[in-house]
Amino acid sequence: MELRNFHIDVPGKGTIDVDFALHFNNNSVAISEIKLHSDFDSGLPHRPQLVLHDNAWQLHVQQPVMKDNEVIIVDEYLNDDLSNEIVKRLLQIRDDAKVL
């Protein structure tokens, strides 16, 4: 396992720091333990997962929602520009690590 990080500057708003772990197994590299920290209200979850959904990698989080006086867990797949940029960078770092 190797810990990595990068940051994204969001013009006019601030910075998002992305921390994550790369796991090496034979010829594959997996990403886990993603943590997002921003110095502004980005609306992004603090601990998303990277999942393949509808043939595209996306950030995923399970959110508790109150429905009919019950708390249910709802899957949320993030597909906004900022989330997609984070996914793009995560996958590039993973792919670069495969080459090494």
PDB file of N, CA and C in Angstrom:
ATOM      1  N   MET A   1       0.847  -1.175   0.000  1.00  0.00           N
ATOM      2  CA  MET A   1       0.000   0.000   0.000  1.00  0.00           C
ATOM      3  C   MET A   1       0.895   1.241   0.000  1.00  0.00           C
ATOM      4  N   GLU A   2       0.457   2.224  -0.744  1.00  0.00           N
ATOM      5  CA  GLU A   2       1.195   3.483  -0.845  1.00  0.00           C
ATOM      6  C   GLU A   2       0.199   4.631  -0.737  1.00  0.00           C
ATOM      7  N   LEU A   3       0.459   5.557   0.158  1.00  0.00           N
ATOM      8  CA  LEU A   3      -0.414   6.717   0.313  1.00  0.00           C
ATOM      9  C   LEU A   3      -0.014   7.789  -0.681  1.00  0.00           C
ATOM     10  N   ARG A   4      -1.012   8.399  -1.295  1.00  0.00           N
ATOM     11  CA  ARG A   4      -0.776   9.455  -2.282  1.00  0.00           C
ATOM     12  C   ARG A   4      -1.734  10.613  -2.017  1.00  0.00           C
ATOM     13  N   ASN A   5      -1.441  11.754  -2.627  1.00  0.00           N
ATOM     14  CA  ASN A   5      -2.361  12.886  -2.541  1.00  0.00           C
ATOM     15  C   ASN A   5      -2.109  13.851  -3.692  1.00  0.00           C
ATOM     16  N   PHE A   6      -3.089  14.692  -3.924  1.00  0.00           N
ATOM     17  CA  PHE A   6      -2.976  15.792  -4.871  1.00  0.00           C
ATOM     18  C   PHE A   6      -3.998  16.836  -4.463  1.00  0.00           C
ATOM     19  N   HIS A   7      -3.929  17.993  -5.063  1.00  0.00           N
ATOM     20  CA  HIS A   7      -4.928  19.016  -4.773  1.00  0.00           C
ATOM     21  C   HIS A   7      -5.425  19.635  -6.079  1.00  0.00           C
ATOM     22  N   ILE A   8      -6.636  20.140  -5.988  1.00  0.00           N
ATOM     23  CA  ILE A   8      -7.262  20.804  -7.130  1.00  0.00           C
ATOM     24  C   ILE A   8      -7.609  22.224  -6.701  1.00  0.00           C
ATOM     25  N   ASP A   9      -7.157  23.185  -7.467  1.00  0.00           N
ATOM     26  CA  ASP A   9      -7.515  24.581  -7.223  1.00  0.00           C
ATOM     27  C   ASP A   9      -8.818  24.882  -7.958  1.00  0.00           C
ATOM     28  N   VAL A  10      -9.791  25.385  -7.222  1.00  0.00           N
ATOM     29  CA  VAL A  10     -11.071  25.773  -7.811  1.00  0.00           C
ATOM     30  C   VAL A  10     -11.092  27.303  -7.827  1.00  0.00           C
ATOM     31  N   PRO A  11     -10.944  27.888  -9.010  1.00  0.00           N
ATOM     32  CA  PRO A  11     -10.838  29.345  -9.106  1.00  0.00           C
ATOM     33  C   PRO A  11     -11.990  30.072  -8.410  1.00  0.00           C
ATOM     34  N   GLY A  12     -11.626  31.047  -7.599  1.00  0.00           N
ATOM     35  CA  GLY A  12     -12.621  31.859  -6.915  1.00  0.00           C
ATOM     36  C   GLY A  12     -13.229  31.213  -5.689  1.00  0.00           C
ATOM     37  N   LYS A  13     -12.856  29.959  -5.392  1.00  0.00           N
ATOM     38  CA  LYS A  13     -13.458  29.268  -4.250  1.00  0.00           C
ATOM     39  C   LYS A  13     -12.420  28.783  -3.260  1.00  0.00           C
ATOM     40  N   GLY A  14     -11.429  28.028  -3.728  1.00  0.00           N
ATOM     41  CA  GLY A  14     -10.426  27.499  -2.823  1.00  0.00           C
ATOM     42  C   GLY A  14      -9.776  26.248  -3.376  1.00  0.00           C
ATOM     43  N   THR A  15      -9.379  25.366  -2.461  1.00  0.00           N
ATOM     44  CA  THR A  15      -8.626  24.175  -2.826  1.00  0.00           C
ATOM     45  C   THR A  15      -9.279  22.925  -2.232  1.00  0.00           C
ATOM     46  N   ILE A  16      -9.213  21.845  -2.993  1.00  0.00           N
ATOM     47  CA  ILE A  16      -9.649  20.541  -2.502  1.00  0.00           C
ATOM     48  C   ILE A  16      -8.427  19.644  -2.460  1.00  0.00           C
ATOM     49  N   ASP A  17      -8.152  19.086  -1.291  1.00  0.00           N
ATOM     50  CA  ASP A  17      -7.067  18.118  -1.128  1.00  0.00           C
ATOM     51  C   ASP A  17      -7.655  16.719  -1.214  1.00  0.00           C
ATOM     52  N   VAL A  18      -7.013  15.865  -1.988  1.00  0.00           N
ATOM     53  CA  VAL A  18      -7.467  14.493  -2.182  1.00  0.00           C
ATOM     54  C   VAL A  18      -6.369  13.555  -1.679  1.00  0.00           C
ATOM     55  N   ASP A  19      -6.676  12.784  -0.647  1.00  0.00           N
ATOM     56  CA  ASP A  19      -5.763  11.776  -0.111  1.00  0.00           C
ATOM     57  C   ASP A  19      -6.353  10.409  -0.433  1.00  0.00           C
ATOM     58  N   PHE A  20      -5.486   9.441  -0.758  1.00  0.00           N
ATOM     59  CA  PHE A  20      -5.976   8.107  -1.092  1.00  0.00           C
ATOM     60  C   PHE A  20      -4.836   7.104  -0.972  1.00  0.00           C
ATOM     61  N   ALA A  21      -5.200   5.828  -1.056  1.00  0.00           N
ATOM     62  CA  ALA A  21      -4.211   4.758  -0.980  1.00  0.00           C
ATOM     63  C   ALA A  21      -4.224   3.964  -2.280  1.00  0.00           C
ATOM     64  N   LEU A  22      -3.033   3.591  -2.731  1.00  0.00           N
ATOM     65  CA  LEU A  22      -2.889   2.679  -3.868  1.00  0.00           C
ATOM     66  C   LEU A  22      -2.494   1.317  -3.305  1.00  0.00           C
ATOM     67  N   HIS A  23      -3.173   0.283  -3.760  1.00  0.00           N
ATOM     68  CA  HIS A  23      -2.870  -1.083  -3.341  1.00  0.00           C
ATOM     69  C   HIS A  23      -2.350  -1.847  -4.556  1.00  0.00           C
ATOM     70  N   PHE A  24      -1.174  -2.433  -4.419  1.00  0.00           N
ATOM     71  CA  PHE A  24      -0.533  -3.163  -5.507  1.00  0.00           C
ATOM     72  C   PHE A  24      -0.738  -4.655  -5.302  1.00  0.00           C
ATOM     73  N   ASN A  25      -1.256  -5.339  -6.343  1.00  0.00           N
ATOM     74  CA  ASN A  25      -1.505  -6.766  -6.276  1.00  0.00           C
ATOM     75  C   ASN A  25      -1.172  -7.372  -7.638  1.00  0.00           C
ATOM     76  N   ASN A  26      -0.055  -8.095  -7.709  1.00  0.00           N
ATOM     77  CA  ASN A  26       0.425  -8.645  -8.982  1.00  0.00           C
ATOM     78  C   ASN A  26       0.548  -7.537 -10.016  1.00  0.00           C
ATOM     79  N   ASN A  27      -0.240  -7.571 -11.081  1.00  0.00           N
ATOM     80  CA  ASN A  27      -0.165  -6.551 -12.128  1.00  0.00           C
ATOM     81  C   ASN A  27      -1.268  -5.505 -12.030  1.00  0.00           C
ATOM     82  N   SER A  28      -2.034  -5.507 -10.940  1.00  0.00           N
ATOM     83  CA  SER A  28      -3.126  -4.545 -10.823  1.00  0.00           C
ATOM     84  C   SER A  28      -2.860  -3.557  -9.695  1.00  0.00           C
ATOM     85  N   VAL A  29      -3.489  -2.411  -9.825  1.00  0.00           N
ATOM     86  CA  VAL A  29      -3.393  -1.365  -8.806  1.00  0.00           C
ATOM     87  C   VAL A  29      -4.819  -0.903  -8.503  1.00  0.00           C
ATOM     88  N   ALA A  30      -5.177  -0.903  -7.221  1.00  0.00           N
ATOM     89  CA  ALA A  30      -6.518  -0.484  -6.800  1.00  0.00           C
ATOM     90  C   ALA A  30      -6.408   0.790  -5.967  1.00  0.00           C
ATOM     91  N   ILE A  31      -7.485   1.558  -5.971  1.00  0.00           N
ATOM     92  CA  ILE A  31      -7.565   2.800  -5.211  1.00  0.00           C
ATOM     93  C   ILE A  31      -8.566   2.606  -4.084  1.00  0.00           C
ATOM     94  N   SER A  32      -8.194   3.041  -2.887  1.00  0.00           N
ATOM     95  CA  SER A  32      -9.136   2.975  -1.760  1.00  0.00           C
ATOM     96  C   SER A  32      -8.859   4.132  -0.809  1.00  0.00           C
ATOM     97  N   GLU A  33      -9.663   4.184   0.228  1.00  0.00           N
ATOM     98  CA  GLU A  33      -9.500   5.145   1.317  1.00  0.00           C
ATOM     99  C   GLU A  33      -9.388   6.586   0.823  1.00  0.00           C
ATOM    100  N   ILE A  34     -10.267   6.957  -0.093  1.00  0.00           N
ATOM    101  CA  ILE A  34     -10.281   8.318  -0.630  1.00  0.00           C
ATOM    102  C   ILE A  34     -10.830   9.264   0.442  1.00  0.00           C
ATOM    103  N   LYS A  35     -10.123  10.359   0.652  1.00  0.00           N
ATOM    104  CA  LYS A  35     -10.563  11.381   1.610  1.00  0.00           C
ATOM    105  C   LYS A  35     -10.452  12.736   0.939  1.00  0.00           C
ATOM    106  N   LEU A  36     -11.541  13.485   0.956  1.00  0.00           N
ATOM    107  CA  LEU A  36     -11.579  14.817   0.353  1.00  0.00           C
ATOM    108  C   LEU A  36     -11.670  15.874   1.448  1.00  0.00           C
ATOM    109  N   HIS A  37     -10.813  16.869   1.361  1.00  0.00           N
ATOM    110  CA  HIS A  37     -10.807  17.975   2.319  1.00  0.00           C
ATOM    111  C   HIS A  37     -10.770  19.272   1.513  1.00  0.00           C
ATOM    112  N   SER A  38     -11.716  20.156   1.769  1.00  0.00           N
ATOM    113  CA  SER A  38     -11.704  21.424   1.045  1.00  0.00           C
ATOM    114  C   SER A  38     -11.737  22.588   2.025  1.00  0.00           C
ATOM    115  N   ASP A  39     -11.217  23.721   1.594  1.00  0.00           N
ATOM    116  CA  ASP A  39     -11.247  24.906   2.434  1.00  0.00           C
ATOM    117  C   ASP A  39     -12.441  25.800   2.087  1.00  0.00           C
ATOM    118  N   PHE A  40     -13.443  25.214   1.423  1.00  0.00           N
ATOM    119  CA  PHE A  40     -14.711  25.879   1.122  1.00  0.00           C
ATOM    120  C   PHE A  40     -15.787  24.806   1.075  1.00  0.00           C
ATOM    121  N   ASP A  41     -17.044  25.202   1.050  1.00  0.00           N
ATOM    122  CA  ASP A  41     -18.141  24.229   1.004  1.00  0.00           C
ATOM    123  C   ASP A  41     -18.292  23.713  -0.425  1.00  0.00           C
ATOM    124  N   SER A  42     -17.628  22.601  -0.713  1.00  0.00           N
ATOM    125  CA  SER A  42     -17.612  22.051  -2.068  1.00  0.00           C
ATOM    126  C   SER A  42     -18.849  21.205  -2.361  1.00  0.00           C
ATOM    127  N   GLY A  43     -19.518  20.744  -1.327  1.00  0.00           N
ATOM    128  CA  GLY A  43     -20.664  19.861  -1.517  1.00  0.00           C
ATOM    129  C   GLY A  43     -20.271  18.418  -1.758  1.00  0.00           C
ATOM    130  N   LEU A  44     -18.974  18.146  -1.783  1.00  0.00           N
ATOM    131  CA  LEU A  44     -18.494  16.779  -2.007  1.00  0.00           C
ATOM    132  C   LEU A  44     -18.434  16.022  -0.686  1.00  0.00           C
ATOM    133  N   PRO A  45     -18.680  14.711  -0.726  1.00  0.00           N
ATOM    134  CA  PRO A  45     -18.573  13.915   0.503  1.00  0.00           C
ATOM    135  C   PRO A  45     -17.109  13.806   0.931  1.00  0.00           C
ATOM    136  N   HIS A  46     -16.898  13.564   2.206  1.00  0.00           N
ATOM    137  CA  HIS A  46     -15.529  13.487   2.718  1.00  0.00           C
ATOM    138  C   HIS A  46     -14.865  12.148   2.431  1.00  0.00           C
ATOM    139  N   ARG A  47     -15.646  11.077   2.302  1.00  0.00           N
ATOM    140  CA  ARG A  47     -15.073   9.737   2.095  1.00  0.00           C
ATOM    141  C   ARG A  47     -15.823   8.973   0.992  1.00  0.00           C
ATOM    142  N   PRO A  48     -15.692   9.423  -0.239  1.00  0.00           N
ATOM    143  CA  PRO A  48     -16.360   8.692  -1.321  1.00  0.00           C
ATOM    144  C   PRO A  48     -15.569   7.444  -1.703  1.00  0.00           C
ATOM    145  N   GLN A  49     -16.209   6.589  -2.473  1.00  0.00           N
ATOM    146  CA  GLN A  49     -15.540   5.430  -3.047  1.00  0.00           C
ATOM    147  C   GLN A  49     -15.489   5.626  -4.554  1.00  0.00           C
ATOM    148  N   LEU A  50     -14.520   4.992  -5.183  1.00  0.00           N
ATOM    149  CA  LEU A  50     -14.415   5.013  -6.635  1.00  0.00           C
ATOM    150  C   LEU A  50     -15.019   3.713  -7.150  1.00  0.00           C
ATOM    151  N   VAL A  51     -16.105   3.819  -7.924  1.00  0.00           N
ATOM    152  CA  VAL A  51     -16.789   2.617  -8.419  1.00  0.00           C
ATOM    153  C   VAL A  51     -17.063   2.754  -9.914  1.00  0.00           C
ATOM    154  N   LEU A  52     -17.157   1.619 -10.563  1.00  0.00           N
ATOM    155  CA  LEU A  52     -17.535   1.575 -11.976  1.00  0.00           C
ATOM    156  C   LEU A  52     -19.053   1.495 -12.041  1.00  0.00           C
ATOM    157  N   HIS A  53     -19.680   2.536 -12.583  1.00  0.00           N
ATOM    158  CA  HIS A  53     -21.140   2.621 -12.642  1.00  0.00           C
ATOM    159  C   HIS A  53     -21.542   3.030 -14.054  1.00  0.00           C
ATOM    160  N   ASP A  54     -22.391   2.239 -14.679  1.00  0.00           N
ATOM    161  CA  ASP A  54     -22.821   2.508 -16.066  1.00  0.00           C
ATOM    162  C   ASP A  54     -21.625   2.696 -16.997  1.00  0.00           C
ATOM    163  N   ASN A  55     -20.640   1.805 -16.864  1.00  0.00           N
ATOM    164  CA  ASN A  55     -19.439   1.778 -17.701  1.00  0.00           C
ATOM    165  C   ASN A  55     -18.560   3.019 -17.574  1.00  0.00           C
ATOM    166  N   ALA A  56     -18.682   3.736 -16.463  1.00  0.00           N
ATOM    167  CA  ALA A  56     -17.830   4.903 -16.217  1.00  0.00           C
ATOM    168  C   ALA A  56     -17.436   4.918 -14.745  1.00  0.00           C
ATOM    169  N   TRP A  57     -16.191   5.310 -14.481  1.00  0.00           N
ATOM    170  CA  TRP A  57     -15.744   5.445 -13.101  1.00  0.00           C
ATOM    171  C   TRP A  57     -16.345   6.710 -12.518  1.00  0.00           C
ATOM    172  N   GLN A  58     -16.927   6.573 -11.319  1.00  0.00           N
ATOM    173  CA  GLN A  58     -17.539   7.721 -10.650  1.00  0.00           C
ATOM    174  C   GLN A  58     -17.266   7.644  -9.154  1.00  0.00           C
ATOM    175  N   LEU A  59     -17.329   8.805  -8.518  1.00  0.00           N
ATOM    176  CA  LEU A  59     -17.296   8.825  -7.059  1.00  0.00           C
ATOM    177  C   LEU A  59     -18.680   8.421  -6.565  1.00  0.00           C
ATOM    178  N   HIS A  60     -18.697   7.622  -5.518  1.00  0.00           N
ATOM    179  CA  HIS A  60     -19.938   7.069  -4.985  1.00  0.00           C
ATOM    180  C   HIS A  60     -19.966   7.267  -3.481  1.00  0.00           C
ATOM    181  N   VAL A  61     -21.138   7.532  -2.969  1.00  0.00           N
ATOM    182  CA  VAL A  61     -21.328   7.641  -1.523  1.00  0.00           C
ATOM    183  C   VAL A  61     -22.726   7.126  -1.195  1.00  0.00           C
ATOM    184  N   GLN A  62     -22.870   6.570  -0.012  1.00  0.00           N
ATOM    185  CA  GLN A  62     -24.189   6.147   0.462  1.00  0.00           C
ATOM    186  C   GLN A  62     -24.641   7.158   1.503  1.00  0.00           C
ATOM    187  N   GLN A  63     -25.811   7.757   1.257  1.00  0.00           N
ATOM    188  CA  GLN A  63     -26.345   8.807   2.119  1.00  0.00           C
ATOM    189  C   GLN A  63     -27.567   8.311   2.876  1.00  0.00           C
ATOM    190  N   PRO A  64     -27.652   8.580   4.181  1.00  0.00           N
ATOM    191  CA  PRO A  64     -28.883   8.268   4.908  1.00  0.00           C
ATOM    192  C   PRO A  64     -29.945   9.321   4.602  1.00  0.00           C
ATOM    193  N   VAL A  65     -31.160   8.868   4.316  1.00  0.00           N
ATOM    194  CA  VAL A  65     -32.268   9.754   3.987  1.00  0.00           C
ATOM    195  C   VAL A  65     -33.486   9.311   4.787  1.00  0.00           C
ATOM    196  N   MET A  66     -34.231  10.279   5.306  1.00  0.00           N
ATOM    197  CA  MET A  66     -35.450   9.966   6.051  1.00  0.00           C
ATOM    198  C   MET A  66     -36.607   9.838   5.067  1.00  0.00           C
ATOM    199  N   LYS A  67     -37.288   8.678   5.104  1.00  0.00           N
ATOM    200  CA  LYS A  67     -38.441   8.440   4.235  1.00  0.00           C
ATOM    201  C   LYS A  67     -39.483   7.667   5.026  1.00  0.00           C
ATOM    202  N   ASP A  68     -40.693   8.233   5.125  1.00  0.00           N
ATOM    203  CA  ASP A  68     -41.783   7.598   5.867  1.00  0.00           C
ATOM    204  C   ASP A  68     -41.352   7.231   7.287  1.00  0.00           C
ATOM    205  N   ASN A  69     -40.717   8.176   7.962  1.00  0.00           N
ATOM    206  CA  ASN A  69     -40.244   7.999   9.342  1.00  0.00           C
ATOM    207  C   ASN A  69     -39.225   6.885   9.502  1.00  0.00           C
ATOM    208  N   GLU A  70     -38.564   6.529   8.431  1.00  0.00           N
ATOM    209  CA  GLU A  70     -37.497   5.535   8.483  1.00  0.00           C
ATOM    210  C   GLU A  70     -36.264   6.101   7.796  1.00  0.00           C
ATOM    211  N   VAL A  71     -35.131   5.716   8.319  1.00  0.00           N
ATOM    212  CA  VAL A  71     -33.882   6.106   7.677  1.00  0.00           C
ATOM    213  C   VAL A  71     -33.509   5.006   6.690  1.00  0.00           C
ATOM    214  N   ILE A  72     -33.359   5.392   5.430  1.00  0.00           N
ATOM    215  CA  ILE A  72     -32.924   4.445   4.404  1.00  0.00           C
ATOM    216  C   ILE A  72     -31.604   4.943   3.822  1.00  0.00           C
ATOM    217  N   ILE A  73     -30.847   4.031   3.290  1.00  0.00           N
ATOM    218  CA  ILE A  73     -29.558   4.376   2.689  1.00  0.00           C
ATOM    219  C   ILE A  73     -29.740   4.461   1.171  1.00  0.00           C
ATOM    220  N   VAL A  74     -29.338   5.591   0.615  1.00  0.00           N
ATOM    221  CA  VAL A  74     -29.499   5.853  -0.813  1.00  0.00           C
ATOM    222  C   VAL A  74     -28.114   5.965  -1.452  1.00  0.00           C
ATOM    223  N   ASP A  75     -27.932   5.274  -2.577  1.00  0.00           N
ATOM    224  CA  ASP A  75     -26.688   5.384  -3.337  1.00  0.00           C
ATOM    225  C   ASP A  75     -26.691   6.681  -4.123  1.00  0.00           C
ATOM    226  N   GLU A  76     -25.581   7.390  -4.059  1.00  0.00           N
ATOM    227  CA  GLU A  76     -25.439   8.626  -4.827  1.00  0.00           C
ATOM    228  C   GLU A  76     -24.158   8.533  -5.643  1.00  0.00           C
ATOM    229  N   TYR A  77     -24.290   8.717  -6.949  1.00  0.00           N
ATOM    230  CA  TYR A  77     -23.144   8.709  -7.862  1.00  0.00           C
ATOM    231  C   TYR A  77     -22.917  10.141  -8.317  1.00  0.00           C
ATOM    232  N   LEU A  78     -21.714  10.633  -8.101  1.00  0.00           N
ATOM    233  CA  LEU A  78     -21.403  12.023  -8.397  1.00  0.00           C
ATOM    234  C   LEU A  78     -20.895  12.145  -9.827  1.00  0.00           C
ATOM    235  N   ASN A  79     -21.544  13.009 -10.595  1.00  0.00           N
ATOM    236  CA  ASN A  79     -21.208  13.147 -12.005  1.00  0.00           C
ATOM    237  C   ASN A  79     -21.106  14.620 -12.401  1.00  0.00           C
ATOM    238  N   ASP A  80     -20.608  15.449 -11.485  1.00  0.00           N
ATOM    239  CA  ASP A  80     -20.424  16.864 -11.795  1.00  0.00           C
ATOM    240  C   ASP A  80     -18.987  17.082 -12.274  1.00  0.00           C
ATOM    241  N   ASP A  81     -18.690  18.270 -12.751  1.00  0.00           N
ATOM    242  CA  ASP A  81     -17.359  18.559 -13.311  1.00  0.00           C
ATOM    243  C   ASP A  81     -16.244  18.344 -12.294  1.00  0.00           C
ATOM    244  N   LEU A  82     -16.438  18.789 -11.063  1.00  0.00           N
ATOM    245  CA  LEU A  82     -15.406  18.671 -10.043  1.00  0.00           C
ATOM    246  C   LEU A  82     -15.152  17.203  -9.682  1.00  0.00           C
ATOM    247  N   SER A  83     -16.209  16.439  -9.503  1.00  0.00           N
ATOM    248  CA  SER A  83     -16.065  15.001  -9.214  1.00  0.00           C
ATOM    249  C   SER A  83     -15.388  14.284 -10.371  1.00  0.00           C
ATOM    250  N   ASN A  84     -15.775  14.628 -11.588  1.00  0.00           N
ATOM    251  CA  ASN A  84     -15.169  13.991 -12.761  1.00  0.00           C
ATOM    252  C   ASN A  84     -13.689  14.322 -12.884  1.00  0.00           C
ATOM    253  N   GLU A  85     -13.294  15.524 -12.498  1.00  0.00           N
ATOM    254  CA  GLU A  85     -11.876  15.894 -12.516  1.00  0.00           C
ATOM    255  C   GLU A  85     -11.101  15.084 -11.479  1.00  0.00           C
ATOM    256  N   ILE A  86     -11.684  14.885 -10.311  1.00  0.00           N
ATOM    257  CA  ILE A  86     -11.039  14.072  -9.272  1.00  0.00           C
ATOM    258  C   ILE A  86     -10.869  12.645  -9.762  1.00  0.00           C
ATOM    259  N   VAL A  87     -11.916  12.080 -10.360  1.00  0.00           N
ATOM    260  CA  VAL A  87     -11.847  10.714 -10.892  1.00  0.00           C
ATOM    261  C   VAL A  87     -10.769  10.619 -11.968  1.00  0.00           C
ATOM    262  N   LYS A  88     -10.732  11.585 -12.861  1.00  0.00           N
ATOM    263  CA  LYS A  88      -9.737  11.596 -13.942  1.00  0.00           C
ATOM    264  C   LYS A  88      -8.318  11.559 -13.375  1.00  0.00           C
ATOM    265  N   ARG A  89      -8.060  12.359 -12.372  1.00  0.00           N
ATOM    266  CA  ARG A  89      -6.715  12.399 -11.778  1.00  0.00           C
ATOM    267  C   ARG A  89      -6.397  11.115 -11.012  1.00  0.00           C
ATOM    268  N   LEU A  90      -7.378  10.590 -10.285  1.00  0.00           N
ATOM    269  CA  LEU A  90      -7.168   9.326  -9.574  1.00  0.00           C
ATOM    270  C   LEU A  90      -6.786   8.210 -10.546  1.00  0.00           C
ATOM    271  N   LEU A  91      -7.530   8.109 -11.640  1.00  0.00           N
ATOM    272  CA  LEU A  91      -7.265   7.052 -12.619  1.00  0.00           C
ATOM    273  C   LEU A  91      -5.919   7.253 -13.308  1.00  0.00           C
ATOM    274  N   GLN A  92      -5.544   8.505 -13.564  1.00  0.00           N
ATOM    275  CA  GLN A  92      -4.241   8.766 -14.189  1.00  0.00           C
ATOM    276  C   GLN A  92      -3.101   8.351 -13.257  1.00  0.00           C
ATOM    277  N   ILE A  93      -3.227   8.665 -11.983  1.00  0.00           N
ATOM    278  CA  ILE A  93      -2.198   8.274 -11.013  1.00  0.00           C
ATOM    279  C   ILE A  93      -2.152   6.756 -10.887  1.00  0.00           C
ATOM    280  N   ARG A  94      -3.295   6.108 -10.876  1.00  0.00           N
ATOM    281  CA  ARG A  94      -3.337   4.642 -10.825  1.00  0.00           C
ATOM    282  C   ARG A  94      -2.670   4.041 -12.056  1.00  0.00           C
ATOM    283  N   ASP A  95      -2.996   4.563 -13.227  1.00  0.00           N
ATOM    284  CA  ASP A  95      -2.418   4.033 -14.465  1.00  0.00           C
ATOM    285  C   ASP A  95      -0.922   4.272 -14.541  1.00  0.00           C
ATOM    286  N   ASP A  96      -0.460   5.433 -14.061  1.00  0.00           N
ATOM    287  CA  ASP A  96       0.974   5.723 -14.030  1.00  0.00           C
ATOM    288  C   ASP A  96       1.696   4.764 -13.071  1.00  0.00           C
ATOM    289  N   ALA A  97       1.044   4.390 -11.992  1.00  0.00           N
ATOM    290  CA  ALA A  97       1.651   3.470 -11.015  1.00  0.00           C
ATOM    291  C   ALA A  97       1.757   2.057 -11.589  1.00  0.00           C
ATOM    292  N   LYS A  98       0.853   1.701 -12.500  1.00  0.00           N
ATOM    293  CA  LYS A  98       0.912   0.372 -13.138  1.00  0.00           C
ATOM    294  C   LYS A  98       2.156   0.231 -14.006  1.00  0.00           C
ATOM    295  N   VAL A  99       2.577   1.344 -14.605  1.00  0.00           N
ATOM    296  CA  VAL A  99       3.716   1.338 -15.520  1.00  0.00           C
ATOM    297  C   VAL A  99       5.025   1.113 -14.749  1.00  0.00           C
ATOM    298  N   LEU A 100       5.093   1.647 -13.547  1.00  0.00           N
ATOM    299  CA  LEU A 100       6.314   1.517 -12.742  1.00  0.00           C
ATOM    300  C   LEU A 100       6.488   0.113 -12.370  1.00  0.00           C
TER     301      LEU A 100
END
